[in-house]
Amino acid sequence: MAKLYSEKKLKQMSPKKETVNFLLNYSKALRISTYKKLQFESFLN
């Protein structure tokens, strides 16, 4: 018989503060430039 995983309550998950800060800093350092329908990704570090 198959288990029904949807019946179980999932505990509330929240990311660590370090993870959120890492992702925010990464997104700030990433710059995407568009030139004649081409996209270029560059990091500002």
PDB file of N, CA and C in Angstrom:
ATOM      1  N   MET A   1       0.844  -1.190   0.000  1.00  0.00           N
ATOM      2  CA  MET A   1       0.000   0.000   0.000  1.00  0.00           C
ATOM      3  C   MET A   1       0.886   1.249   0.000  1.00  0.00           C
ATOM      4  N   ALA A   2       0.561   2.193  -0.822  1.00  0.00           N
ATOM      5  CA  ALA A   2       1.365   3.402  -0.958  1.00  0.00           C
ATOM      6  C   ALA A   2       1.173   4.324   0.234  1.00  0.00           C
ATOM      7  N   LYS A   3       2.260   4.987   0.607  1.00  0.00           N
ATOM      8  CA  LYS A   3       2.180   5.956   1.697  1.00  0.00           C
ATOM      9  C   LYS A   3       1.648   7.272   1.144  1.00  0.00           C
ATOM     10  N   LEU A   4       0.849   7.930   1.919  1.00  0.00           N
ATOM     11  CA  LEU A   4       0.341   9.242   1.535  1.00  0.00           C
ATOM     12  C   LEU A   4       1.120  10.295   2.318  1.00  0.00           C
ATOM     13  N   TYR A   5       2.105  10.863   1.660  1.00  0.00           N
ATOM     14  CA  TYR A   5       2.956  11.837   2.333  1.00  0.00           C
ATOM     15  C   TYR A   5       2.249  13.161   2.538  1.00  0.00           C
ATOM     16  N   SER A   6       1.222  13.429   1.766  1.00  0.00           N
ATOM     17  CA  SER A   6       0.537  14.711   1.889  1.00  0.00           C
ATOM     18  C   SER A   6      -0.297  14.795   3.162  1.00  0.00           C
ATOM     19  N   GLU A   7      -0.566  13.675   3.799  1.00  0.00           N
ATOM     20  CA  GLU A   7      -1.361  13.712   5.022  1.00  0.00           C
ATOM     21  C   GLU A   7      -0.540  14.172   6.219  1.00  0.00           C
ATOM     22  N   LYS A   8       0.763  14.007   6.151  1.00  0.00           N
ATOM     23  CA  LYS A   8       1.621  14.433   7.253  1.00  0.00           C
ATOM     24  C   LYS A   8       1.773  15.947   7.239  1.00  0.00           C
ATOM     25  N   LYS A   9       1.805  16.517   8.407  1.00  0.00           N
ATOM     26  CA  LYS A   9       2.043  17.955   8.491  1.00  0.00           C
ATOM     27  C   LYS A   9       3.534  18.215   8.351  1.00  0.00           C
ATOM     28  N   LEU A  10       3.858  19.144   7.506  1.00  0.00           N
ATOM     29  CA  LEU A  10       5.253  19.516   7.337  1.00  0.00           C
ATOM     30  C   LEU A  10       5.602  20.589   8.342  1.00  0.00           C
ATOM     31  N   LYS A  11       6.773  20.439   8.966  1.00  0.00           N
ATOM     32  CA  LYS A  11       7.162  21.463   9.926  1.00  0.00           C
ATOM     33  C   LYS A  11       7.589  22.719   9.174  1.00  0.00           C
ATOM     34  N   GLN A  12       7.398  23.814   9.809  1.00  0.00           N
ATOM     35  CA  GLN A  12       7.717  25.106   9.198  1.00  0.00           C
ATOM     36  C   GLN A  12       9.225  25.215   9.021  1.00  0.00           C
ATOM     37  N   MET A  13       9.657  25.422   7.807  1.00  0.00           N
ATOM     38  CA  MET A  13      11.085  25.531   7.525  1.00  0.00           C
ATOM     39  C   MET A  13      11.430  26.978   7.262  1.00  0.00           C
ATOM     40  N   SER A  14      12.531  27.407   7.849  1.00  0.00           N
ATOM     41  CA  SER A  14      12.990  28.765   7.595  1.00  0.00           C
ATOM     42  C   SER A  14      14.504  28.716   7.390  1.00  0.00           C
ATOM     43  N   PRO A  15      15.010  29.505   6.448  1.00  0.00           N
ATOM     44  CA  PRO A  15      16.447  29.473   6.163  1.00  0.00           C
ATOM     45  C   PRO A  15      17.240  30.179   7.252  1.00  0.00           C
ATOM     46  N   LYS A  16      18.504  29.833   7.330  1.00  0.00           N
ATOM     47  CA  LYS A  16      19.393  30.493   8.283  1.00  0.00           C
ATOM     48  C   LYS A  16      19.676  31.907   7.801  1.00  0.00           C
ATOM     49  N   LYS A  17      20.014  32.759   8.729  1.00  0.00           N
ATOM     50  CA  LYS A  17      20.310  34.150   8.395  1.00  0.00           C
ATOM     51  C   LYS A  17      21.527  34.238   7.464  1.00  0.00           C
ATOM     52  N   GLU A  18      22.498  33.349   7.672  1.00  0.00           N
ATOM     53  CA  GLU A  18      23.691  33.346   6.821  1.00  0.00           C
ATOM     54  C   GLU A  18      23.347  32.994   5.383  1.00  0.00           C
ATOM     55  N   THR A  19      22.411  32.093   5.206  1.00  0.00           N
ATOM     56  CA  THR A  19      21.991  31.696   3.855  1.00  0.00           C
ATOM     57  C   THR A  19      21.323  32.854   3.133  1.00  0.00           C
ATOM     58  N   VAL A  20      20.456  33.554   3.828  1.00  0.00           N
ATOM     59  CA  VAL A  20      19.770  34.700   3.229  1.00  0.00           C
ATOM     60  C   VAL A  20      20.768  35.786   2.872  1.00  0.00           C
ATOM     61  N   ASN A  21      21.708  36.062   3.757  1.00  0.00           N
ATOM     62  CA  ASN A  21      22.721  37.081   3.478  1.00  0.00           C
ATOM     63  C   ASN A  21      23.598  36.692   2.292  1.00  0.00           C
ATOM     64  N   PHE A  22      23.953  35.410   2.203  1.00  0.00           N
ATOM     65  CA  PHE A  22      24.763  34.946   1.071  1.00  0.00           C
ATOM     66  C   PHE A  22      24.041  35.157  -0.242  1.00  0.00           C
ATOM     67  N   LEU A  23      22.761  34.788  -0.298  1.00  0.00           N
ATOM     68  CA  LEU A  23      22.000  34.936  -1.542  1.00  0.00           C
ATOM     69  C   LEU A  23      21.793  36.401  -1.909  1.00  0.00           C
ATOM     70  N   LEU A  24      21.563  37.244  -0.926  1.00  0.00           N
ATOM     71  CA  LEU A  24      21.401  38.674  -1.212  1.00  0.00           C
ATOM     72  C   LEU A  24      22.702  39.278  -1.727  1.00  0.00           C
ATOM     73  N   ASN A  25      23.820  38.929  -1.110  1.00  0.00           N
ATOM     74  CA  ASN A  25      25.110  39.454  -1.561  1.00  0.00           C
ATOM     75  C   ASN A  25      25.464  38.929  -2.950  1.00  0.00           C
ATOM     76  N   TYR A  26      25.116  37.684  -3.220  1.00  0.00           N
ATOM     77  CA  TYR A  26      25.368  37.108  -4.546  1.00  0.00           C
ATOM     78  C   TYR A  26      24.561  37.843  -5.606  1.00  0.00           C
ATOM     79  N   SER A  27      23.305  38.130  -5.302  1.00  0.00           N
ATOM     80  CA  SER A  27      22.470  38.805  -6.291  1.00  0.00           C
ATOM     81  C   SER A  27      22.913  40.251  -6.501  1.00  0.00           C
ATOM     82  N   LYS A  28      23.506  40.864  -5.484  1.00  0.00           N
ATOM     83  CA  LYS A  28      24.010  42.227  -5.636  1.00  0.00           C
ATOM     84  C   LYS A  28      25.266  42.253  -6.490  1.00  0.00           C
ATOM     85  N   ALA A  29      26.065  41.178  -6.441  1.00  0.00           N
ATOM     86  CA  ALA A  29      27.322  41.131  -7.176  1.00  0.00           C
ATOM     87  C   ALA A  29      27.128  40.712  -8.627  1.00  0.00           C
ATOM     88  N   LEU A  30      25.970  40.186  -8.974  1.00  0.00           N
ATOM     89  CA  LEU A  30      25.721  39.705 -10.327  1.00  0.00           C
ATOM     90  C   LEU A  30      25.115  40.815 -11.174  1.00  0.00           C
ATOM     91  N   ARG A  31      25.708  41.051 -12.315  1.00  0.00           N
ATOM     92  CA  ARG A  31      25.170  42.044 -13.245  1.00  0.00           C
ATOM     93  C   ARG A  31      24.946  41.375 -14.585  1.00  0.00           C
ATOM     94  N   ILE A  32      23.755  41.541 -15.122  1.00  0.00           N
ATOM     95  CA  ILE A  32      23.405  40.973 -16.420  1.00  0.00           C
ATOM     96  C   ILE A  32      23.227  42.125 -17.407  1.00  0.00           C
ATOM     97  N   SER A  33      24.040  42.101 -18.442  1.00  0.00           N
ATOM     98  CA  SER A  33      23.992  43.143 -19.469  1.00  0.00           C
ATOM     99  C   SER A  33      23.441  42.552 -20.753  1.00  0.00           C
ATOM    100  N   THR A  34      22.663  43.338 -21.457  1.00  0.00           N
ATOM    101  CA  THR A  34      22.099  42.901 -22.734  1.00  0.00           C
ATOM    102  C   THR A  34      22.659  43.778 -23.854  1.00  0.00           C
ATOM    103  N   TYR A  35      23.124  43.117 -24.906  1.00  0.00           N
ATOM    104  CA  TYR A  35      23.655  43.817 -26.063  1.00  0.00           C
ATOM    105  C   TYR A  35      23.220  43.065 -27.311  1.00  0.00           C
ATOM    106  N   LYS A  36      22.408  43.703 -28.126  1.00  0.00           N
ATOM    107  CA  LYS A  36      21.909  43.119 -29.375  1.00  0.00           C
ATOM    108  C   LYS A  36      21.371  41.697 -29.175  1.00  0.00           C
ATOM    109  N   LYS A  37      20.416  41.562 -28.290  1.00  0.00           N
ATOM    110  CA  LYS A  37      19.728  40.301 -27.993  1.00  0.00           C
ATOM    111  C   LYS A  37      20.637  39.234 -27.371  1.00  0.00           C
ATOM    112  N   LEU A  38      21.811  39.618 -26.925  1.00  0.00           N
ATOM    113  CA  LEU A  38      22.704  38.706 -26.220  1.00  0.00           C
ATOM    114  C   LEU A  38      22.780  39.141 -24.763  1.00  0.00           C
ATOM    115  N   GLN A  39      22.818  38.181 -23.873  1.00  0.00           N
ATOM    116  CA  GLN A  39      22.929  38.500 -22.458  1.00  0.00           C
ATOM    117  C   GLN A  39      24.295  38.075 -21.944  1.00  0.00           C
ATOM    118  N   PHE A  40      24.930  38.961 -21.179  1.00  0.00           N
ATOM    119  CA  PHE A  40      26.236  38.709 -20.595  1.00  0.00           C
ATOM    120  C   PHE A  40      26.101  38.796 -19.079  1.00  0.00           C
ATOM    121  N   GLU A  41      26.634  37.794 -18.392  1.00  0.00           N
ATOM    122  CA  GLU A  41      26.633  37.789 -16.945  1.00  0.00           C
ATOM    123  C   GLU A  41      28.032  38.107 -16.455  1.00  0.00           C
ATOM    124  N   SER A  42      28.135  39.026 -15.496  1.00  0.00           N
ATOM    125  CA  SER A  42      29.428  39.348 -14.927  1.00  0.00           C
ATOM    126  C   SER A  42      29.278  39.536 -13.425  1.00  0.00           C
ATOM    127  N   PHE A  43      30.346  39.197 -12.707  1.00  0.00           N
ATOM    128  CA  PHE A  43      30.360  39.356 -11.265  1.00  0.00           C
ATOM    129  C   PHE A  43      31.201  40.566 -10.914  1.00  0.00           C
ATOM    130  N   LEU A  44      30.731  41.347  -9.994  1.00  0.00           N
ATOM    131  CA  LEU A  44      31.398  42.591  -9.645  1.00  0.00           C
ATOM    132  C   LEU A  44      32.375  42.420  -8.483  1.00  0.00           C
ATOM    133  N   ASN A  45      32.785  41.196  -8.205  1.00  0.00           N
ATOM    134  CA  ASN A  45      33.749  40.960  -7.110  1.00  0.00           C
ATOM    135  C   ASN A  45      35.146  40.988  -7.642  1.00  0.00           C
TER     136      ASN A  45
END
